[in-house]
C-alpha atoms as a PDB file:
ATOM      1  CA  MET A   1     -19.768  15.515  -8.791  1.00  0.00           C
ATOM      2  CA  LYS A   2     -17.269  15.523 -11.609  1.00  0.00           C
ATOM      3  CA  ILE A   3     -15.031  12.448 -11.909  1.00  0.00           C
ATOM      4  CA  ASN A   4     -11.679  12.690 -13.682  1.00  0.00           C
ATOM      5  CA  LEU A   5     -10.294   9.215 -14.396  1.00  0.00           C
ATOM      6  CA  GLU A   6      -6.679   8.767 -15.464  1.00  0.00           C
ATOM      7  CA  THR A   7      -5.040   5.451 -16.292  1.00  0.00           C
ATOM      8  CA  VAL A   8      -1.254   5.499 -16.312  1.00  0.00           C
ATOM      9  CA  GLU A   9       0.514   3.347 -18.907  1.00  0.00           C
ATOM     10  CA  PHE A  10      -2.488   1.171 -19.738  1.00  0.00           C
ATOM     11  CA  ASP A  11      -5.895   1.553 -21.350  1.00  0.00           C
ATOM     12  CA  GLY A  12      -8.792   1.056 -18.959  1.00  0.00           C
ATOM     13  CA  SER A  13     -11.731  -0.969 -20.222  1.00  0.00           C
ATOM     14  CA  GLN A  14     -15.258   0.389 -20.275  1.00  0.00           C
ATOM     15  CA  ARG A  15     -16.132  -2.120 -17.549  1.00  0.00           C
ATOM     16  CA  LEU A  16     -13.353  -0.792 -15.301  1.00  0.00           C
ATOM     17  CA  THR A  17     -14.400   2.796 -15.999  1.00  0.00           C
ATOM     18  CA  ALA A  18     -18.047   2.024 -15.184  1.00  0.00           C
ATOM     19  CA  TYR A  19     -17.039   0.192 -11.986  1.00  0.00           C
ATOM     20  CA  THR A  20     -14.870   3.108 -10.887  1.00  0.00           C
ATOM     21  CA  GLU A  21     -17.582   5.687 -11.544  1.00  0.00           C
ATOM     22  CA  LYS A  22     -20.186   3.591  -9.697  1.00  0.00           C
ATOM     23  CA  LYS A  23     -17.976   3.214  -6.605  1.00  0.00           C
ATOM     24  CA  VAL A  24     -16.903   6.867  -6.516  1.00  0.00           C
ATOM     25  CA  ASN A  25     -20.458   8.122  -7.090  1.00  0.00           C
ATOM     26  CA  GLY A  26     -21.490   5.960  -4.120  1.00  0.00           C
ATOM     27  CA  LEU A  27     -19.551   8.335  -1.880  1.00  0.00           C
ATOM     28  CA  THR A  28     -22.263  10.966  -2.383  1.00  0.00           C
ATOM     29  CA  LYS A  29     -24.564   9.020  -0.043  1.00  0.00           C
ATOM     30  CA  TYR A  30     -22.145   9.937   2.757  1.00  0.00           C
ATOM     31  CA  PHE A  31     -21.620  13.555   1.679  1.00  0.00           C
ATOM     32  CA  ASP A  32     -23.541  15.171  -1.170  1.00  0.00           C
ATOM     33  CA  ARG A  33     -21.346  18.269  -1.491  1.00  0.00           C
ATOM     34  CA  ILE A  34     -18.320  16.566  -3.062  1.00  0.00           C
ATOM     35  CA  ILE A  35     -17.152  18.860  -5.851  1.00  0.00           C
ATOM     36  CA  ALA A  36     -14.896  16.552  -7.858  1.00  0.00           C
ATOM     37  CA  ALA A  37     -12.966  13.310  -7.692  1.00  0.00           C
ATOM     38  CA  ASP A  38      -9.596  12.741  -9.334  1.00  0.00           C
ATOM     39  CA  VAL A  39      -8.988   9.018  -9.796  1.00  0.00           C
ATOM     40  CA  THR A  40      -5.626   7.629 -10.896  1.00  0.00           C
ATOM     41  CA  LEU A  41      -5.156   3.950 -11.719  1.00  0.00           C
ATOM     42  CA  LYS A  42      -1.652   2.659 -12.337  1.00  0.00           C
ATOM     43  CA  GLU A  43       0.471  -0.446 -12.266  1.00  0.00           C
ATOM     44  CA  THR A  44       3.235  -0.822  -9.709  1.00  0.00           C
ATOM     45  CA  SER A  45       6.426  -2.830  -9.753  1.00  0.00           C
ATOM     46  CA  ASP A  46       5.230  -4.958  -6.822  1.00  0.00           C
ATOM     47  CA  SER A  47       4.619  -8.436  -8.214  1.00  0.00           C
ATOM     48  CA  ARG A  48       1.898  -9.330  -5.693  1.00  0.00           C
ATOM     49  CA  ASN A  49      -0.089  -6.086  -5.449  1.00  0.00           C
ATOM     50  CA  LYS A  50       0.450  -4.708  -8.911  1.00  0.00           C
ATOM     51  CA  SER A  51      -2.653  -2.525  -9.187  1.00  0.00           C
ATOM     52  CA  GLU A  52      -2.852   0.852  -7.447  1.00  0.00           C
ATOM     53  CA  ALA A  53      -5.791   3.222  -7.114  1.00  0.00           C
ATOM     54  CA  GLU A  54      -5.499   6.803  -5.859  1.00  0.00           C
ATOM     55  CA  ILE A  55      -8.539   9.006  -5.286  1.00  0.00           C
ATOM     56  CA  ARG A  56      -8.456  12.681  -4.379  1.00  0.00           C
ATOM     57  CA  LEU A  57     -11.810  14.209  -3.386  1.00  0.00           C
ATOM     58  CA  ASN A  58     -12.337  17.937  -3.536  1.00  0.00           C
ATOM     59  CA  VAL A  59     -14.796  18.978  -0.850  1.00  0.00           C
ATOM     60  CA  PRO A  60     -15.649  22.502   0.277  1.00  0.00           C
ATOM     61  CA  GLY A  61     -12.559  23.921   1.968  1.00  0.00           C
ATOM     62  CA  ASP A  62     -10.507  20.720   1.926  1.00  0.00           C
ATOM     63  CA  THR A  63      -9.136  17.790  -0.050  1.00  0.00           C
ATOM     64  CA  LEU A  64      -9.433  14.155   1.017  1.00  0.00           C
ATOM     65  CA  PHE A  65      -6.996  11.573  -0.347  1.00  0.00           C
ATOM     66  CA  ALA A  66      -6.615   7.815  -0.166  1.00  0.00           C
ATOM     67  CA  SER A  67      -4.746   5.169  -2.102  1.00  0.00           C
ATOM     68  CA  SER A  68      -4.510   1.405  -2.062  1.00  0.00           C
ATOM     69  CA  ARG A  69      -2.628  -1.422  -3.767  1.00  0.00           C
ATOM     70  CA  ALA A  70      -4.188  -4.802  -4.487  1.00  0.00           C
ATOM     71  CA  GLU A  71      -4.142  -7.771  -6.864  1.00  0.00           C
ATOM     72  CA  SER A  72      -6.800  -6.168  -9.081  1.00  0.00           C
ATOM     73  CA  TYR A  73      -7.965  -2.651  -9.850  1.00  0.00           C
ATOM     74  CA  GLU A  74     -11.456  -3.443  -8.626  1.00  0.00           C
ATOM     75  CA  LYS A  75     -10.176  -4.492  -5.211  1.00  0.00           C
ATOM     76  CA  ALA A  76      -7.843  -1.469  -4.996  1.00  0.00           C
ATOM     77  CA  ILE A  77     -10.728   0.868  -5.878  1.00  0.00           C
ATOM     78  CA  THR A  78     -13.011  -0.742  -3.294  1.00  0.00           C
ATOM     79  CA  GLU A  79     -10.372  -0.433  -0.551  1.00  0.00           C
ATOM     80  CA  THR A  80      -9.676   3.192  -1.468  1.00  0.00           C
ATOM     81  CA  VAL A  81     -13.372   4.104  -1.462  1.00  0.00           C
ATOM     82  CA  THR A  82     -13.777   2.439   1.953  1.00  0.00           C
ATOM     83  CA  ALA A  83     -10.919   4.543   3.326  1.00  0.00           C
ATOM     84  CA  LEU A  84     -12.536   7.673   1.897  1.00  0.00           C
ATOM     85  CA  GLU A  85     -15.869   6.786   3.519  1.00  0.00           C
ATOM     86  CA  ARG A  86     -14.152   6.907   6.918  1.00  0.00           C
ATOM     87  CA  GLN A  87     -12.466  10.210   6.034  1.00  0.00           C
ATOM     88  CA  ILE A  88     -15.767  11.730   4.899  1.00  0.00           C
ATOM     89  CA  LYS A  89     -17.436  10.753   8.174  1.00  0.00           C
ATOM     90  CA  LYS A  90     -14.613  12.403  10.140  1.00  0.00           C
ATOM     91  CA  TYR A  91     -14.778  15.468   7.893  1.00  0.00           C
ATOM     92  CA  LYS A  92     -18.528  15.807   8.483  1.00  0.00           C
ATOM     93  CA  GLU A  93     -18.025  15.518  12.269  1.00  0.00           C
ATOM     94  CA  LYS A  94     -15.450  18.285  12.047  1.00  0.00           C
ATOM     95  CA  LEU A  95     -17.928  20.469  10.143  1.00  0.00           C
ATOM     96  CA  THR A  96     -20.652  20.039  12.758  1.00  0.00           C
ATOM     97  CA  THR A  97     -18.361  20.978  15.653  1.00  0.00           C
ATOM     98  CA  PHE A  98     -17.740  24.471  14.271  1.00  0.00           C
END
Protein backbone atom coordinates (compact mmCIF):
# COMPACT_ATOMS: atom_id res chain seq x y z
CA MET A 1 0.00 0.00 0.00
CA LYS A 2 1.22 3.46 -0.86
CA ILE A 3 0.76 6.14 1.81
CA ASN A 4 0.63 9.81 0.84
CA LEU A 5 0.99 12.02 3.92
CA GLU A 6 0.21 15.73 3.72
CA THR A 7 0.53 18.19 6.59
CA VAL A 8 -1.30 21.46 6.10
CA GLU A 9 0.34 24.61 7.47
CA PHE A 10 2.78 22.82 9.78
CA ASP A 11 5.78 20.54 9.48
CA GLY A 12 5.18 17.03 10.77
CA SER A 13 7.95 15.46 12.83
CA GLN A 14 9.55 12.17 11.91
CA ARG A 15 7.91 10.65 15.00
CA LEU A 16 4.45 11.76 13.83
CA THR A 17 5.14 10.47 10.32
CA ALA A 18 6.30 7.09 11.66
CA TYR A 19 3.26 6.85 13.96
CA THR A 20 0.91 7.65 11.09
CA GLU A 21 2.49 5.10 8.76
CA LYS A 22 2.41 2.41 11.47
CA LYS A 23 -1.30 2.97 12.20
CA VAL A 24 -2.33 3.14 8.54
CA ASN A 25 -0.26 0.08 7.61
CA GLY A 26 -2.07 -1.75 10.43
CA LEU A 27 -5.23 -1.57 8.34
CA THR A 28 -3.79 -4.21 5.99
CA LYS A 29 -4.47 -6.89 8.62
CA TYR A 30 -8.18 -6.27 8.00
CA PHE A 31 -7.93 -6.03 4.20
CA ASP A 32 -4.72 -6.70 2.29
CA ARG A 33 -5.88 -5.26 -1.05
CA ILE A 34 -5.79 -1.59 -0.05
CA ILE A 35 -4.22 0.25 -2.97
CA ALA A 36 -3.30 3.59 -1.39
CA ALA A 37 -4.00 5.82 1.57
CA ASP A 38 -4.15 9.61 1.41
CA VAL A 39 -3.60 11.08 4.87
CA THR A 40 -4.12 14.77 5.61
CA LEU A 41 -3.20 16.28 8.98
CA LYS A 42 -4.21 19.85 9.70
CA GLU A 43 -4.94 22.27 12.49
CA THR A 44 -8.45 23.56 13.04
CA SER A 45 -9.73 26.74 14.62
CA ASP A 46 -11.43 24.78 17.41
CA SER A 47 -9.51 25.58 20.59
CA ARG A 48 -10.27 22.24 22.28
CA ASN A 49 -9.90 19.77 19.40
CA LYS A 50 -7.33 21.55 17.31
CA SER A 51 -5.84 18.56 15.49
CA GLU A 52 -7.65 16.92 12.57
CA ALA A 53 -6.79 13.76 10.67
CA GLU A 54 -8.44 12.73 7.40
CA ILE A 55 -7.72 9.40 5.73
CA ARG A 56 -8.98 8.33 2.32
CA LEU A 57 -8.39 4.67 1.42
CA ASN A 58 -8.45 3.54 -2.18
CA VAL A 59 -9.70 -0.03 -2.37
CA PRO A 60 -10.68 -1.98 -5.47
CA GLY A 61 -13.82 -0.36 -6.88
CA ASP A 62 -14.40 2.07 -4.01
CA THR A 63 -13.01 4.74 -1.71
CA LEU A 64 -13.35 4.71 2.07
CA PHE A 65 -13.05 7.96 4.03
CA ALA A 66 -12.95 8.95 7.68
CA SER A 67 -11.87 11.98 9.65
CA SER A 68 -11.57 12.90 13.30
CA ARG A 69 -10.67 15.87 15.49
CA ALA A 70 -8.89 15.52 18.82
CA GLU A 71 -6.50 17.24 21.23
CA SER A 72 -3.48 15.64 19.54
CA TYR A 73 -2.66 14.29 16.10
CA GLU A 74 -1.93 10.86 17.52
CA LYS A 75 -5.39 10.61 19.07
CA ALA A 76 -7.07 11.93 15.90
CA ILE A 77 -5.18 9.38 13.78
CA THR A 78 -6.11 6.53 16.13
CA GLU A 79 -9.81 7.50 16.07
CA THR A 80 -9.78 7.80 12.28
CA VAL A 81 -8.10 4.42 11.82
CA THR A 82 -10.66 2.83 14.17
CA ALA A 83 -13.49 4.26 12.06
CA LEU A 84 -11.84 2.90 8.92
CA GLU A 85 -11.51 -0.56 10.49
CA ARG A 86 -15.31 -0.66 10.85
CA GLN A 87 -15.75 0.56 7.26
CA ILE A 88 -13.35 -2.08 5.94
CA LYS A 89 -15.25 -4.84 7.74
CA LYS A 90 -18.52 -3.62 6.19
CA TYR A 91 -16.86 -3.34 2.78
CA LYS A 92 -15.59 -6.92 3.01
CA GLU A 93 -19.08 -8.17 3.98
CA LYS A 94 -20.47 -6.38 0.95
CA LEU A 95 -17.87 -8.08 -1.27
CA THR A 96 -18.76 -11.56 -0.01
CA THR A 97 -22.49 -11.09 -0.62
CA PHE A 98 -22.01 -10.61 -4.36
